[in-house]
Amino acid sequence: MSASSTVHAMAGYHFYRAYWTLDACLDEGHSLGYSYKCQYGTGNDGKKKWFLYLWY
């Protein structure tokens, strides 16, 4: 690779933040202006929550 080469990350969903409610996740995703998805799952603390992922 030359010094002028640039490495680009692949486009895809990237974790942004976790929320207790679906509405909070959807509101934040909508307000940020990105394509997004909210996915329900278990956090590192063992508690169920909504995870916001942004597409970029």
PDB file of N, CA and C in Angstrom:
ATOM      1  N   MET A   1       0.836  -1.172   0.000  1.00  0.00           N
ATOM      2  CA  MET A   1       0.000   0.000   0.000  1.00  0.00           C
ATOM      3  C   MET A   1       0.890   1.247   0.000  1.00  0.00           C
ATOM      4  N   SER A   2       0.580   2.198  -0.827  1.00  0.00           N
ATOM      5  CA  SER A   2       1.380   3.420  -0.862  1.00  0.00           C
ATOM      6  C   SER A   2       0.949   4.383   0.234  1.00  0.00           C
ATOM      7  N   ALA A   3       1.761   5.396   0.470  1.00  0.00           N
ATOM      8  CA  ALA A   3       1.451   6.382   1.501  1.00  0.00           C
ATOM      9  C   ALA A   3       0.187   7.160   1.184  1.00  0.00           C
ATOM     10  N   SER A   4      -0.184   7.237  -0.097  1.00  0.00           N
ATOM     11  CA  SER A   4      -1.380   7.999  -0.479  1.00  0.00           C
ATOM     12  C   SER A   4      -2.642   7.148  -0.481  1.00  0.00           C
ATOM     13  N   SER A   5      -2.525   5.864  -0.193  1.00  0.00           N
ATOM     14  CA  SER A   5      -3.695   4.982  -0.167  1.00  0.00           C
ATOM     15  C   SER A   5      -4.570   5.280   1.044  1.00  0.00           C
ATOM     16  N   THR A   6      -5.852   5.147   0.851  1.00  0.00           N
ATOM     17  CA  THR A   6      -6.799   5.351   1.945  1.00  0.00           C
ATOM     18  C   THR A   6      -7.578   4.068   2.154  1.00  0.00           C
ATOM     19  N   VAL A   7      -7.722   3.659   3.400  1.00  0.00           N
ATOM     20  CA  VAL A   7      -8.492   2.469   3.734  1.00  0.00           C
ATOM     21  C   VAL A   7      -9.878   2.924   4.170  1.00  0.00           C
ATOM     22  N   HIS A   8     -10.913   2.376   3.550  1.00  0.00           N
ATOM     23  CA  HIS A   8     -12.287   2.725   3.881  1.00  0.00           C
ATOM     24  C   HIS A   8     -12.972   1.539   4.549  1.00  0.00           C
ATOM     25  N   ALA A   9     -13.717   1.815   5.590  1.00  0.00           N
ATOM     26  CA  ALA A   9     -14.498   0.773   6.247  1.00  0.00           C
ATOM     27  C   ALA A   9     -15.699   0.440   5.364  1.00  0.00           C
ATOM     28  N   MET A  10     -16.116  -0.777   5.414  1.00  0.00           N
ATOM     29  CA  MET A  10     -17.285  -1.193   4.651  1.00  0.00           C
ATOM     30  C   MET A  10     -18.535  -0.538   5.242  1.00  0.00           C
ATOM     31  N   ALA A  11     -19.439  -0.135   4.351  1.00  0.00           N
ATOM     32  CA  ALA A  11     -20.716   0.420   4.816  1.00  0.00           C
ATOM     33  C   ALA A  11     -21.513  -0.693   5.486  1.00  0.00           C
ATOM     34  N   GLY A  12     -22.233  -0.315   6.526  1.00  0.00           N
ATOM     35  CA  GLY A  12     -23.054  -1.284   7.228  1.00  0.00           C
ATOM     36  C   GLY A  12     -23.627  -0.664   8.488  1.00  0.00           C
ATOM     37  N   TYR A  13     -24.325  -1.478   9.271  1.00  0.00           N
ATOM     38  CA  TYR A  13     -24.899  -0.990  10.522  1.00  0.00           C
ATOM     39  C   TYR A  13     -23.836  -1.004  11.617  1.00  0.00           C
ATOM     40  N   HIS A  14     -23.776   0.091  12.364  1.00  0.00           N
ATOM     41  CA  HIS A  14     -22.824   0.236  13.461  1.00  0.00           C
ATOM     42  C   HIS A  14     -23.597   0.597  14.731  1.00  0.00           C
ATOM     43  N   PHE A  15     -23.264  -0.069  15.834  1.00  0.00           N
ATOM     44  CA  PHE A  15     -23.927   0.207  17.106  1.00  0.00           C
ATOM     45  C   PHE A  15     -23.743   1.668  17.486  1.00  0.00           C
ATOM     46  N   TYR A  16     -24.824   2.298  17.967  1.00  0.00           N
ATOM     47  CA  TYR A  16     -24.767   3.685  18.406  1.00  0.00           C
ATOM     48  C   TYR A  16     -25.023   3.804  19.908  1.00  0.00           C
ATOM     49  N   ARG A  17     -26.159   3.280  20.384  1.00  0.00           N
ATOM     50  CA  ARG A  17     -26.533   3.446  21.788  1.00  0.00           C
ATOM     51  C   ARG A  17     -27.642   2.449  22.147  1.00  0.00           C
ATOM     52  N   ALA A  18     -27.819   2.198  23.444  1.00  0.00           N
ATOM     53  CA  ALA A  18     -28.882   1.315  23.933  1.00  0.00           C
ATOM     54  C   ALA A  18     -29.963   2.138  24.642  1.00  0.00           C
ATOM     55  N   TYR A  19     -31.205   1.669  24.557  1.00  0.00           N
ATOM     56  CA  TYR A  19     -32.360   2.362  25.141  1.00  0.00           C
ATOM     57  C   TYR A  19     -33.250   1.357  25.857  1.00  0.00           C
ATOM     58  N   TRP A  20     -33.979   1.843  26.863  1.00  0.00           N
ATOM     59  CA  TRP A  20     -34.889   0.973  27.612  1.00  0.00           C
ATOM     60  C   TRP A  20     -36.184   0.719  26.863  1.00  0.00           C
ATOM     61  N   THR A  21     -36.613   1.670  26.012  1.00  0.00           N
ATOM     62  CA  THR A  21     -37.892   1.503  25.315  1.00  0.00           C
ATOM     63  C   THR A  21     -37.700   1.601  23.803  1.00  0.00           C
ATOM     64  N   LEU A  22     -38.565   0.931  23.069  1.00  0.00           N
ATOM     65  CA  LEU A  22     -38.539   0.991  21.616  1.00  0.00           C
ATOM     66  C   LEU A  22     -38.796   2.414  21.137  1.00  0.00           C
ATOM     67  N   ASP A  23     -39.754   3.103  21.747  1.00  0.00           N
ATOM     68  CA  ASP A  23     -40.059   4.476  21.333  1.00  0.00           C
ATOM     69  C   ASP A  23     -38.840   5.386  21.435  1.00  0.00           C
ATOM     70  N   ALA A  24     -38.073   5.274  22.509  1.00  0.00           N
ATOM     71  CA  ALA A  24     -36.875   6.093  22.675  1.00  0.00           C
ATOM     72  C   ALA A  24     -35.847   5.775  21.583  1.00  0.00           C
ATOM     73  N   CYS A  25     -35.699   4.511  21.272  1.00  0.00           N
ATOM     74  CA  CYS A  25     -34.767   4.084  20.226  1.00  0.00           C
ATOM     75  C   CYS A  25     -35.193   4.641  18.867  1.00  0.00           C
ATOM     76  N   LEU A  26     -36.464   4.501  18.537  1.00  0.00           N
ATOM     77  CA  LEU A  26     -36.983   4.989  17.258  1.00  0.00           C
ATOM     78  C   LEU A  26     -36.885   6.506  17.153  1.00  0.00           C
ATOM     79  N   ASP A  27     -37.217   7.202  18.223  1.00  0.00           N
ATOM     80  CA  ASP A  27     -37.147   8.669  18.221  1.00  0.00           C
ATOM     81  C   ASP A  27     -35.722   9.153  17.962  1.00  0.00           C
ATOM     82  N   GLU A  28     -34.759   8.563  18.648  1.00  0.00           N
ATOM     83  CA  GLU A  28     -33.362   8.963  18.473  1.00  0.00           C
ATOM     84  C   GLU A  28     -32.870   8.639  17.069  1.00  0.00           C
ATOM     85  N   GLY A  29     -33.193   7.443  16.591  1.00  0.00           N
ATOM     86  CA  GLY A  29     -32.789   7.058  15.230  1.00  0.00           C
ATOM     87  C   GLY A  29     -33.340   8.013  14.190  1.00  0.00           C
ATOM     88  N   HIS A  30     -34.598   8.369  14.316  1.00  0.00           N
ATOM     89  CA  HIS A  30     -35.236   9.287  13.377  1.00  0.00           C
ATOM     90  C   HIS A  30     -34.601  10.675  13.450  1.00  0.00           C
ATOM     91  N   SER A  31     -34.307  11.149  14.642  1.00  0.00           N
ATOM     92  CA  SER A  31     -33.770  12.504  14.814  1.00  0.00           C
ATOM     93  C   SER A  31     -32.342  12.651  14.284  1.00  0.00           C
ATOM     94  N   LEU A  32     -31.590  11.559  14.197  1.00  0.00           N
ATOM     95  CA  LEU A  32     -30.200  11.644  13.747  1.00  0.00           C
ATOM     96  C   LEU A  32     -30.066  11.779  12.230  1.00  0.00           C
ATOM     97  N   GLY A  33     -31.096  11.399  11.486  1.00  0.00           N
ATOM     98  CA  GLY A  33     -31.073  11.579  10.043  1.00  0.00           C
ATOM     99  C   GLY A  33     -30.339  10.503   9.259  1.00  0.00           C
ATOM    100  N   TYR A  34     -29.945   9.429   9.901  1.00  0.00           N
ATOM    101  CA  TYR A  34     -29.314   8.301   9.216  1.00  0.00           C
ATOM    102  C   TYR A  34     -30.356   7.222   8.954  1.00  0.00           C
ATOM    103  N   SER A  35     -30.014   6.270   8.079  1.00  0.00           N
ATOM    104  CA  SER A  35     -30.797   5.035   8.037  1.00  0.00           C
ATOM    105  C   SER A  35     -30.438   4.291   9.324  1.00  0.00           C
ATOM    106  N   TYR A  36     -31.429   3.663   9.940  1.00  0.00           N
ATOM    107  CA  TYR A  36     -31.181   3.032  11.235  1.00  0.00           C
ATOM    108  C   TYR A  36     -32.091   1.836  11.434  1.00  0.00           C
ATOM    109  N   LYS A  37     -31.780   1.064  12.469  1.00  0.00           N
ATOM    110  CA  LYS A  37     -32.668  -0.012  12.915  1.00  0.00           C
ATOM    111  C   LYS A  37     -32.532  -0.135  14.417  1.00  0.00           C
ATOM    112  N   CYS A  38     -33.588  -0.571  15.067  1.00  0.00           N
ATOM    113  CA  CYS A  38     -33.601  -0.847  16.500  1.00  0.00           C
ATOM    114  C   CYS A  38     -33.784  -2.347  16.676  1.00  0.00           C
ATOM    115  N   GLN A  39     -32.937  -2.943  17.477  1.00  0.00           N
ATOM    116  CA  GLN A  39     -32.968  -4.385  17.681  1.00  0.00           C
ATOM    117  C   GLN A  39     -33.025  -4.688  19.173  1.00  0.00           C
ATOM    118  N   TYR A  40     -33.928  -5.589  19.559  1.00  0.00           N
ATOM    119  CA  TYR A  40     -34.097  -5.952  20.956  1.00  0.00           C
ATOM    120  C   TYR A  40     -33.111  -7.049  21.316  1.00  0.00           C
ATOM    121  N   GLY A  41     -32.453  -6.897  22.464  1.00  0.00           N
ATOM    122  CA  GLY A  41     -31.500  -7.913  22.875  1.00  0.00           C
ATOM    123  C   GLY A  41     -31.081  -7.718  24.323  1.00  0.00           C
ATOM    124  N   THR A  42     -30.098  -8.487  24.723  1.00  0.00           N
ATOM    125  CA  THR A  42     -29.587  -8.448  26.089  1.00  0.00           C
ATOM    126  C   THR A  42     -28.259  -7.701  26.117  1.00  0.00           C
ATOM    127  N   GLY A  43     -28.153  -6.728  27.023  1.00  0.00           N
ATOM    128  CA  GLY A  43     -26.930  -5.951  27.160  1.00  0.00           C
ATOM    129  C   GLY A  43     -25.874  -6.684  27.960  1.00  0.00           C
ATOM    130  N   ASN A  44     -24.697  -6.072  28.050  1.00  0.00           N
ATOM    131  CA  ASN A  44     -23.590  -6.658  28.825  1.00  0.00           C
ATOM    132  C   ASN A  44     -23.940  -6.794  30.302  1.00  0.00           C
ATOM    133  N   ASP A  45     -24.924  -6.016  30.741  1.00  0.00           N
ATOM    134  CA  ASP A  45     -25.358  -6.071  32.138  1.00  0.00           C
ATOM    135  C   ASP A  45     -26.421  -7.145  32.380  1.00  0.00           C
ATOM    136  N   GLY A  46     -26.768  -7.896  31.327  1.00  0.00           N
ATOM    137  CA  GLY A  46     -27.751  -8.973  31.448  1.00  0.00           C
ATOM    138  C   GLY A  46     -29.190  -8.507  31.345  1.00  0.00           C
ATOM    139  N   LYS A  47     -29.419  -7.203  31.135  1.00  0.00           N
ATOM    140  CA  LYS A  47     -30.774  -6.653  31.053  1.00  0.00           C
ATOM    141  C   LYS A  47     -31.202  -6.495  29.601  1.00  0.00           C
ATOM    142  N   LYS A  48     -32.509  -6.708  29.361  1.00  0.00           N
ATOM    143  CA  LYS A  48     -33.069  -6.560  28.023  1.00  0.00           C
ATOM    144  C   LYS A  48     -33.221  -5.084  27.699  1.00  0.00           C
ATOM    145  N   LYS A  49     -32.865  -4.703  26.468  1.00  0.00           N
ATOM    146  CA  LYS A  49     -32.997  -3.314  26.031  1.00  0.00           C
ATOM    147  C   LYS A  49     -32.999  -3.251  24.509  1.00  0.00           C
ATOM    148  N   TRP A  50     -33.235  -2.062  23.991  1.00  0.00           N
ATOM    149  CA  TRP A  50     -33.257  -1.817  22.558  1.00  0.00           C
ATOM    150  C   TRP A  50     -31.931  -1.202  22.126  1.00  0.00           C
ATOM    151  N   PHE A  51     -31.337  -1.749  21.060  1.00  0.00           N
ATOM    152  CA  PHE A  51     -30.060  -1.272  20.549  1.00  0.00           C
ATOM    153  C   PHE A  51     -30.273  -0.553  19.239  1.00  0.00           C
ATOM    154  N   LEU A  52     -29.752   0.679  19.158  1.00  0.00           N
ATOM    155  CA  LEU A  52     -29.852   1.481  17.947  1.00  0.00           C
ATOM    156  C   LEU A  52     -28.601   1.283  17.107  1.00  0.00           C
ATOM    157  N   TYR A  53     -28.801   0.940  15.839  1.00  0.00           N
ATOM    158  CA  TYR A  53     -27.730   0.792  14.877  1.00  0.00           C
ATOM    159  C   TYR A  53     -27.940   1.788  13.746  1.00  0.00           C
ATOM    160  N   LEU A  54     -26.863   2.502  13.375  1.00  0.00           N
ATOM    161  CA  LEU A  54     -26.905   3.474  12.288  1.00  0.00           C
ATOM    162  C   LEU A  54     -26.176   2.908  11.082  1.00  0.00           C
ATOM    163  N   TRP A  55     -26.700   3.192   9.888  1.00  0.00           N
ATOM    164  CA  TRP A  55     -26.066   2.740   8.650  1.00  0.00           C
ATOM    165  C   TRP A  55     -25.127   3.829   8.138  1.00  0.00           C
ATOM    166  N   TYR A  56     -23.874   3.496   8.004  1.00  0.00           N
ATOM    167  CA  TYR A  56     -22.901   4.401   7.369  1.00  0.00           C
ATOM    168  C   TYR A  56     -21.693   3.625   6.899  1.00  0.00           C
TER     169      TYR A  56
END
